[in-house]
PDB file of all heavy atoms in Angstrom:
ATOM      1  N   GLY A   1      65.173 113.764 115.053  1.00  0.00           N
ATOM      2  CA  GLY A   1      65.295 114.439 113.767  1.00  0.00           C
ATOM      3  C   GLY A   1      65.736 113.470 112.696  1.00  0.00           C
ATOM      4  O   GLY A   1      66.301 112.416 112.987  1.00  0.00           O
ATOM      5  N   TRP A   2      65.444 113.810 111.455  1.00  0.00           N
ATOM      6  CA  TRP A   2      65.915 113.059 110.302  1.00  0.00           C
ATOM      7  C   TRP A   2      66.723 113.982 109.395  1.00  0.00           C
ATOM      8  O   TRP A   2      66.416 115.161 109.263  1.00  0.00           O
ATOM      9  CB  TRP A   2      64.747 112.536 109.470  1.00  0.00           C
ATOM     10  CG  TRP A   2      64.034 111.324 109.963  1.00  0.00           C
ATOM     11  CD1 TRP A   2      62.724 111.251 110.371  1.00  0.00           C
ATOM     12  CD2 TRP A   2      64.557 110.001 110.070  1.00  0.00           C
ATOM     13  NE1 TRP A   2      62.412 109.963 110.730  1.00  0.00           N
ATOM     14  CE2 TRP A   2      63.513 109.176 110.553  1.00  0.00           C
ATOM     15  CE3 TRP A   2      65.809 109.424 109.812  1.00  0.00           C
ATOM     16  CZ2 TRP A   2      63.682 107.810 110.781  1.00  0.00           C
ATOM     17  CZ3 TRP A   2      65.966 108.064 110.040  1.00  0.00           C
ATOM     18  CH2 TRP A   2      64.914 107.267 110.516  1.00  0.00           C
ATOM     19  N   THR A   3      67.713 113.420 108.730  1.00  0.00           N
ATOM     20  CA  THR A   3      68.308 114.137 107.617  1.00  0.00           C
ATOM     21  C   THR A   3      67.298 114.183 106.480  1.00  0.00           C
ATOM     22  O   THR A   3      66.484 113.277 106.319  1.00  0.00           O
ATOM     23  CB  THR A   3      69.597 113.454 107.116  1.00  0.00           C
ATOM     24  OG1 THR A   3      69.308 112.096 106.765  1.00  0.00           O
ATOM     25  CG2 THR A   3      70.689 113.488 108.158  1.00  0.00           C
ATOM     26  N   ILE A   4      67.335 115.246 105.708  1.00  0.00           N
ATOM     27  CA  ILE A   4      66.481 115.386 104.530  1.00  0.00           C
ATOM     28  C   ILE A   4      67.317 115.009 103.319  1.00  0.00           C
ATOM     29  O   ILE A   4      68.293 115.686 102.999  1.00  0.00           O
ATOM     30  CB  ILE A   4      65.948 116.821 104.395  1.00  0.00           C
ATOM     31  CG1 ILE A   4      65.150 117.219 105.640  1.00  0.00           C
ATOM     32  CG2 ILE A   4      65.097 116.962 103.144  1.00  0.00           C
ATOM     33  CD1 ILE A   4      64.740 118.677 105.666  1.00  0.00           C
ATOM     34  N   THR A   5      66.945 113.933 102.664  1.00  0.00           N
ATOM     35  CA  THR A   5      67.747 113.421 101.556  1.00  0.00           C
ATOM     36  C   THR A   5      67.539 114.242 100.293  1.00  0.00           C
ATOM     37  O   THR A   5      66.539 114.947 100.141  1.00  0.00           O
ATOM     38  CB  THR A   5      67.402 111.955 101.278  1.00  0.00           C
ATOM     39  OG1 THR A   5      66.012 111.868 100.970  1.00  0.00           O
ATOM     40  CG2 THR A   5      67.700 111.094 102.495  1.00  0.00           C
ATOM     41  N   GLN A   6      68.486 114.133  99.359  1.00  0.00           N
ATOM     42  CA  GLN A   6      68.404 114.897  98.119  1.00  0.00           C
ATOM     43  C   GLN A   6      67.261 114.405  97.246  1.00  0.00           C
ATOM     44  O   GLN A   6      66.631 115.189  96.552  1.00  0.00           O
ATOM     45  CB  GLN A   6      69.740 114.822  97.367  1.00  0.00           C
ATOM     46  CG  GLN A   6      70.917 115.333  98.161  1.00  0.00           C
ATOM     47  CD  GLN A   6      70.642 116.699  98.760  1.00  0.00           C
ATOM     48  OE1 GLN A   6      70.187 117.599  98.053  1.00  0.00           O
ATOM     49  NE2 GLN A   6      70.908 116.864 100.043  1.00  0.00           N
ATOM     50  N   ASP A   7      67.004 113.113  97.252  1.00  0.00           N
ATOM     51  CA  ASP A   7      65.850 112.578  96.550  1.00  0.00           C
ATOM     52  C   ASP A   7      64.702 112.459  97.550  1.00  0.00           C
ATOM     53  O   ASP A   7      64.910 112.036  98.695  1.00  0.00           O
ATOM     54  CB  ASP A   7      66.163 111.210  95.953  1.00  0.00           C
ATOM     55  CG  ASP A   7      65.031 110.680  95.084  1.00  0.00           C
ATOM     56  OD1 ASP A   7      64.085 110.091  95.644  1.00  0.00           O
ATOM     57  OD2 ASP A   7      65.097 110.878  93.860  1.00  0.00           O
ATOM     58  N   PRO A   8      63.477 112.791  97.154  1.00  0.00           N
ATOM     59  CA  PRO A   8      62.376 112.821  98.124  1.00  0.00           C
ATOM     60  C   PRO A   8      61.768 111.471  98.449  1.00  0.00           C
ATOM     61  O   PRO A   8      60.730 111.432  99.131  1.00  0.00           O
ATOM     62  CB  PRO A   8      61.349 113.729  97.431  1.00  0.00           C
ATOM     63  CG  PRO A   8      61.600 113.543  95.975  1.00  0.00           C
ATOM     64  CD  PRO A   8      63.087 113.388  95.861  1.00  0.00           C
ATOM     65  N   ASP A   9      62.372 110.376  98.022  1.00  0.00           N
ATOM     66  CA  ASP A   9      61.844 109.051  98.340  1.00  0.00           C
ATOM     67  C   ASP A   9      61.982 108.795  99.841  1.00  0.00           C
ATOM     68  O   ASP A   9      63.093 108.658 100.361  1.00  0.00           O
ATOM     69  CB  ASP A   9      62.599 107.990  97.542  1.00  0.00           C
ATOM     70  CG  ASP A   9      62.067 106.584  97.778  1.00  0.00           C
ATOM     71  OD1 ASP A   9      61.070 106.435  98.509  1.00  0.00           O
ATOM     72  OD2 ASP A   9      62.659 105.641  97.232  1.00  0.00           O
ATOM     73  N   ILE A  10      60.850 108.717 100.541  1.00  0.00           N
ATOM     74  CA  ILE A  10      60.847 108.508 101.992  1.00  0.00           C
ATOM     75  C   ILE A  10      60.194 107.168 102.352  1.00  0.00           C
ATOM     76  O   ILE A  10      59.671 106.988 103.441  1.00  0.00           O
ATOM     77  CB  ILE A  10      60.146 109.680 102.717  1.00  0.00           C
ATOM     78  CG1 ILE A  10      58.763 109.950 102.108  1.00  0.00           C
ATOM     79  CG2 ILE A  10      61.022 110.929 102.675  1.00  0.00           C
ATOM     80  CD1 ILE A  10      57.965 111.029 102.821  1.00  0.00           C
ATOM     81  N   PHE A  11      60.267 106.235 101.418  1.00  0.00           N
ATOM     82  CA  PHE A  11      59.693 104.902 101.590  1.00  0.00           C
ATOM     83  C   PHE A  11      60.174 104.244 102.875  1.00  0.00           C
ATOM     84  O   PHE A  11      59.390 103.671 103.640  1.00  0.00           O
ATOM     85  CB  PHE A  11      60.080 104.054 100.373  1.00  0.00           C
ATOM     86  CG  PHE A  11      59.523 102.658 100.351  1.00  0.00           C
ATOM     87  CD1 PHE A  11      58.418 102.349  99.571  1.00  0.00           C
ATOM     88  CD2 PHE A  11      60.128 101.634 101.067  1.00  0.00           C
ATOM     89  CE1 PHE A  11      57.908 101.055  99.527  1.00  0.00           C
ATOM     90  CE2 PHE A  11      59.623 100.337 101.039  1.00  0.00           C
ATOM     91  CZ  PHE A  11      58.515 100.051 100.263  1.00  0.00           C
ATOM     92  N   ALA A  12      61.477 104.304 103.145  1.00  0.00           N
ATOM     93  CA  ALA A  12      62.062 103.553 104.260  1.00  0.00           C
ATOM     94  C   ALA A  12      61.548 104.026 105.614  1.00  0.00           C
ATOM     95  O   ALA A  12      61.560 103.259 106.581  1.00  0.00           O
ATOM     96  CB  ALA A  12      63.589 103.661 104.221  1.00  0.00           C
ATOM     97  N   VAL A  13      61.084 105.263 105.698  1.00  0.00           N
ATOM     98  CA  VAL A  13      60.604 105.802 106.973  1.00  0.00           C
ATOM     99  C   VAL A  13      59.086 105.696 107.107  1.00  0.00           C
ATOM    100  O   VAL A  13      58.575 105.509 108.207  1.00  0.00           O
ATOM    101  CB  VAL A  13      61.050 107.267 107.136  1.00  0.00           C
ATOM    102  CG1 VAL A  13      60.431 107.900 108.372  1.00  0.00           C
ATOM    103  CG2 VAL A  13      62.572 107.353 107.203  1.00  0.00           C
ATOM    104  N   TRP A  14      58.354 105.736 105.982  1.00  0.00           N
ATOM    105  CA  TRP A  14      56.907 105.889 106.069  1.00  0.00           C
ATOM    106  C   TRP A  14      56.095 104.724 105.518  1.00  0.00           C
ATOM    107  O   TRP A  14      54.900 104.636 105.795  1.00  0.00           O
ATOM    108  CB  TRP A  14      56.488 107.179 105.355  1.00  0.00           C
ATOM    109  CG  TRP A  14      56.971 108.394 106.063  1.00  0.00           C
ATOM    110  CD1 TRP A  14      57.994 109.218 105.693  1.00  0.00           C
ATOM    111  CD2 TRP A  14      56.473 108.930 107.289  1.00  0.00           C
ATOM    112  NE1 TRP A  14      58.157 110.228 106.601  1.00  0.00           N
ATOM    113  CE2 TRP A  14      57.228 110.076 107.598  1.00  0.00           C
ATOM    114  CE3 TRP A  14      55.456 108.549 108.163  1.00  0.00           C
ATOM    115  CZ2 TRP A  14      57.000 110.848 108.726  1.00  0.00           C
ATOM    116  CZ3 TRP A  14      55.221 109.307 109.293  1.00  0.00           C
ATOM    117  CH2 TRP A  14      55.984 110.445 109.559  1.00  0.00           C
ATOM    118  N   HIS A  15      56.691 103.846 104.730  1.00  0.00           N
ATOM    119  CA  HIS A  15      55.909 102.743 104.154  1.00  0.00           C
ATOM    120  C   HIS A  15      55.572 101.714 105.231  1.00  0.00           C
ATOM    121  O   HIS A  15      56.371 101.437 106.132  1.00  0.00           O
ATOM    122  CB  HIS A  15      56.692 102.074 103.020  1.00  0.00           C
ATOM    123  CG  HIS A  15      55.859 101.199 102.148  1.00  0.00           C
ATOM    124  ND1 HIS A  15      55.616  99.871 102.450  1.00  0.00           N
ATOM    125  CD2 HIS A  15      55.188 101.446 100.993  1.00  0.00           C
ATOM    126  CE1 HIS A  15      54.846  99.346 101.514  1.00  0.00           C
ATOM    127  NE2 HIS A  15      54.570 100.277 100.624  1.00  0.00           N
ATOM    128  N   SER A  16      54.385 101.136 105.132  1.00  0.00           N
ATOM    129  CA  SER A  16      53.927 100.164 106.138  1.00  0.00           C
ATOM    130  C   SER A  16      54.869  98.978 106.271  1.00  0.00           C
ATOM    131  O   SER A  16      55.022  98.417 107.364  1.00  0.00           O
ATOM    132  CB  SER A  16      52.524  99.666 105.782  1.00  0.00           C
ATOM    133  OG  SER A  16      51.597 100.721 105.758  1.00  0.00           O
ATOM    134  N   SER A  17      55.506  98.585 105.173  1.00  0.00           N
ATOM    135  CA  SER A  17      56.402  97.425 105.208  1.00  0.00           C
ATOM    136  C   SER A  17      57.614  97.649 106.088  1.00  0.00           C
ATOM    137  O   SER A  17      58.286  96.690 106.487  1.00  0.00           O
ATOM    138  CB  SER A  17      56.859  97.070 103.791  1.00  0.00           C
ATOM    139  OG  SER A  17      57.662  98.117 103.245  1.00  0.00           O
ATOM    140  N   GLN A  18      57.898  98.913 106.403  1.00  0.00           N
ATOM    141  CA  GLN A  18      59.073  99.229 107.209  1.00  0.00           C
ATOM    142  C   GLN A  18      58.748  99.342 108.700  1.00  0.00           C
ATOM    143  O   GLN A  18      59.627  99.628 109.515  1.00  0.00           O
ATOM    144  CB  GLN A  18      59.705 100.541 106.722  1.00  0.00           C
ATOM    145  CG  GLN A  18      60.020 100.553 105.236  1.00  0.00           C
ATOM    146  CD  GLN A  18      60.922  99.412 104.824  1.00  0.00           C
ATOM    147  OE1 GLN A  18      62.051  99.289 105.314  1.00  0.00           O
ATOM    148  NE2 GLN A  18      60.449  98.563 103.929  1.00  0.00           N
ATOM    149  N   ALA A  19      57.487  99.110 109.053  1.00  0.00           N
ATOM    150  CA  ALA A  19      57.072  99.151 110.464  1.00  0.00           C
ATOM    151  C   ALA A  19      57.293  97.786 111.103  1.00  0.00           C
ATOM    152  O   ALA A  19      56.370  97.108 111.541  1.00  0.00           O
ATOM    153  CB  ALA A  19      55.613  99.570 110.566  1.00  0.00           C
ATOM    154  N   VAL A  20      58.561  97.388 111.145  1.00  0.00           N
ATOM    155  CA  VAL A  20      58.966  96.083 111.662  1.00  0.00           C
ATOM    156  C   VAL A  20      60.131  96.289 112.627  1.00  0.00           C
ATOM    157  O   VAL A  20      60.781  97.346 112.613  1.00  0.00           O
ATOM    158  CB  VAL A  20      59.395  95.143 110.513  1.00  0.00           C
ATOM    159  CG1 VAL A  20      58.218  94.840 109.595  1.00  0.00           C
ATOM    160  CG2 VAL A  20      60.553  95.755 109.700  1.00  0.00           C
ATOM    161  N   PRO A  21      60.414  95.320 113.490  1.00  0.00           N
ATOM    162  CA  PRO A  21      61.568  95.469 114.388  1.00  0.00           C
ATOM    163  C   PRO A  21      62.844  95.777 113.594  1.00  0.00           C
ATOM    164  O   PRO A  21      63.167  95.082 112.633  1.00  0.00           O
ATOM    165  CB  PRO A  21      61.648  94.106 115.077  1.00  0.00           C
ATOM    166  CG  PRO A  21      60.242  93.599 115.059  1.00  0.00           C
ATOM    167  CD  PRO A  21      59.664  94.064 113.760  1.00  0.00           C
ATOM    168  N   GLY A  22      63.533  96.818 113.991  1.00  0.00           N
ATOM    169  CA  GLY A  22      64.740  97.240 113.288  1.00  0.00           C
ATOM    170  C   GLY A  22      64.473  98.133 112.103  1.00  0.00           C
ATOM    171  O   GLY A  22      65.400  98.670 111.506  1.00  0.00           O
ATOM    172  N   GLY A  23      63.191  98.324 111.725  1.00  0.00           N
ATOM    173  CA  GLY A  23      62.862  99.190 110.607  1.00  0.00           C
ATOM    174  C   GLY A  23      62.894 100.653 110.998  1.00  0.00           C
ATOM    175  O   GLY A  23      62.817 101.008 112.179  1.00  0.00           O
ATOM    176  N   LEU A  24      62.963 101.527 109.998  1.00  0.00           N
ATOM    177  CA  LEU A  24      63.034 102.959 110.270  1.00  0.00           C
ATOM    178  C   LEU A  24      61.660 103.567 110.535  1.00  0.00           C
ATOM    179  O   LEU A  24      61.565 104.684 111.045  1.00  0.00           O
ATOM    180  CB  LEU A  24      63.721 103.679 109.105  1.00  0.00           C
ATOM    181  CG  LEU A  24      65.151 103.205 108.794  1.00  0.00           C
ATOM    182  CD1 LEU A  24      65.766 104.067 107.694  1.00  0.00           C
ATOM    183  CD2 LEU A  24      66.029 103.215 110.031  1.00  0.00           C
ATOM    184  N   ASN A  25      60.604 102.842 110.227  1.00  0.00           N
ATOM    185  CA  ASN A  25      59.252 103.292 110.575  1.00  0.00           C
ATOM    186  C   ASN A  25      58.953 102.819 111.996  1.00  0.00           C
ATOM    187  O   ASN A  25      58.065 102.002 112.244  1.00  0.00           O
ATOM    188  CB  ASN A  25      58.240 102.721 109.579  1.00  0.00           C
ATOM    189  CG  ASN A  25      56.830 103.236 109.795  1.00  0.00           C
ATOM    190  OD1 ASN A  25      56.545 103.944 110.761  1.00  0.00           O
ATOM    191  ND2 ASN A  25      55.923 102.858 108.907  1.00  0.00           N
ATOM    192  N   PHE A  26      59.702 103.353 112.958  1.00  0.00           N
ATOM    193  CA  PHE A  26      59.623 102.851 114.327  1.00  0.00           C
ATOM    194  C   PHE A  26      58.404 103.364 115.090  1.00  0.00           C
ATOM    195  O   PHE A  26      58.150 102.934 116.211  1.00  0.00           O
ATOM    196  CB  PHE A  26      60.899 103.177 115.111  1.00  0.00           C
ATOM    197  CG  PHE A  26      61.351 104.609 115.023  1.00  0.00           C
ATOM    198  CD1 PHE A  26      60.708 105.600 115.723  1.00  0.00           C
ATOM    199  CD2 PHE A  26      62.439 104.953 114.235  1.00  0.00           C
ATOM    200  CE1 PHE A  26      61.113 106.920 115.637  1.00  0.00           C
ATOM    201  CE2 PHE A  26      62.859 106.271 114.146  1.00  0.00           C
ATOM    202  CZ  PHE A  26      62.190 107.260 114.851  1.00  0.00           C
ATOM    203  N   ILE A  27      57.629 104.295 114.490  1.00  0.00           N
ATOM    204  CA  ILE A  27      56.386 104.723 115.133  1.00  0.00           C
ATOM    205  C   ILE A  27      55.219 103.829 114.715  1.00  0.00           C
ATOM    206  O   ILE A  27      54.109 103.977 115.216  1.00  0.00           O
ATOM    207  CB  ILE A  27      56.049 106.194 114.826  1.00  0.00           C
ATOM    208  CG1 ILE A  27      55.759 106.398 113.337  1.00  0.00           C
ATOM    209  CG2 ILE A  27      57.163 107.124 115.315  1.00  0.00           C
ATOM    210  CD1 ILE A  27      55.139 107.741 113.018  1.00  0.00           C
TER     211      ILE A  27
END
């Protein structure tokens, strides 16, 4: 599960740049 943040910016979880070791886009 994820917390739903007050601002809808979900860059850290879904942007391609975050699909790196230790990144939040772990899928």
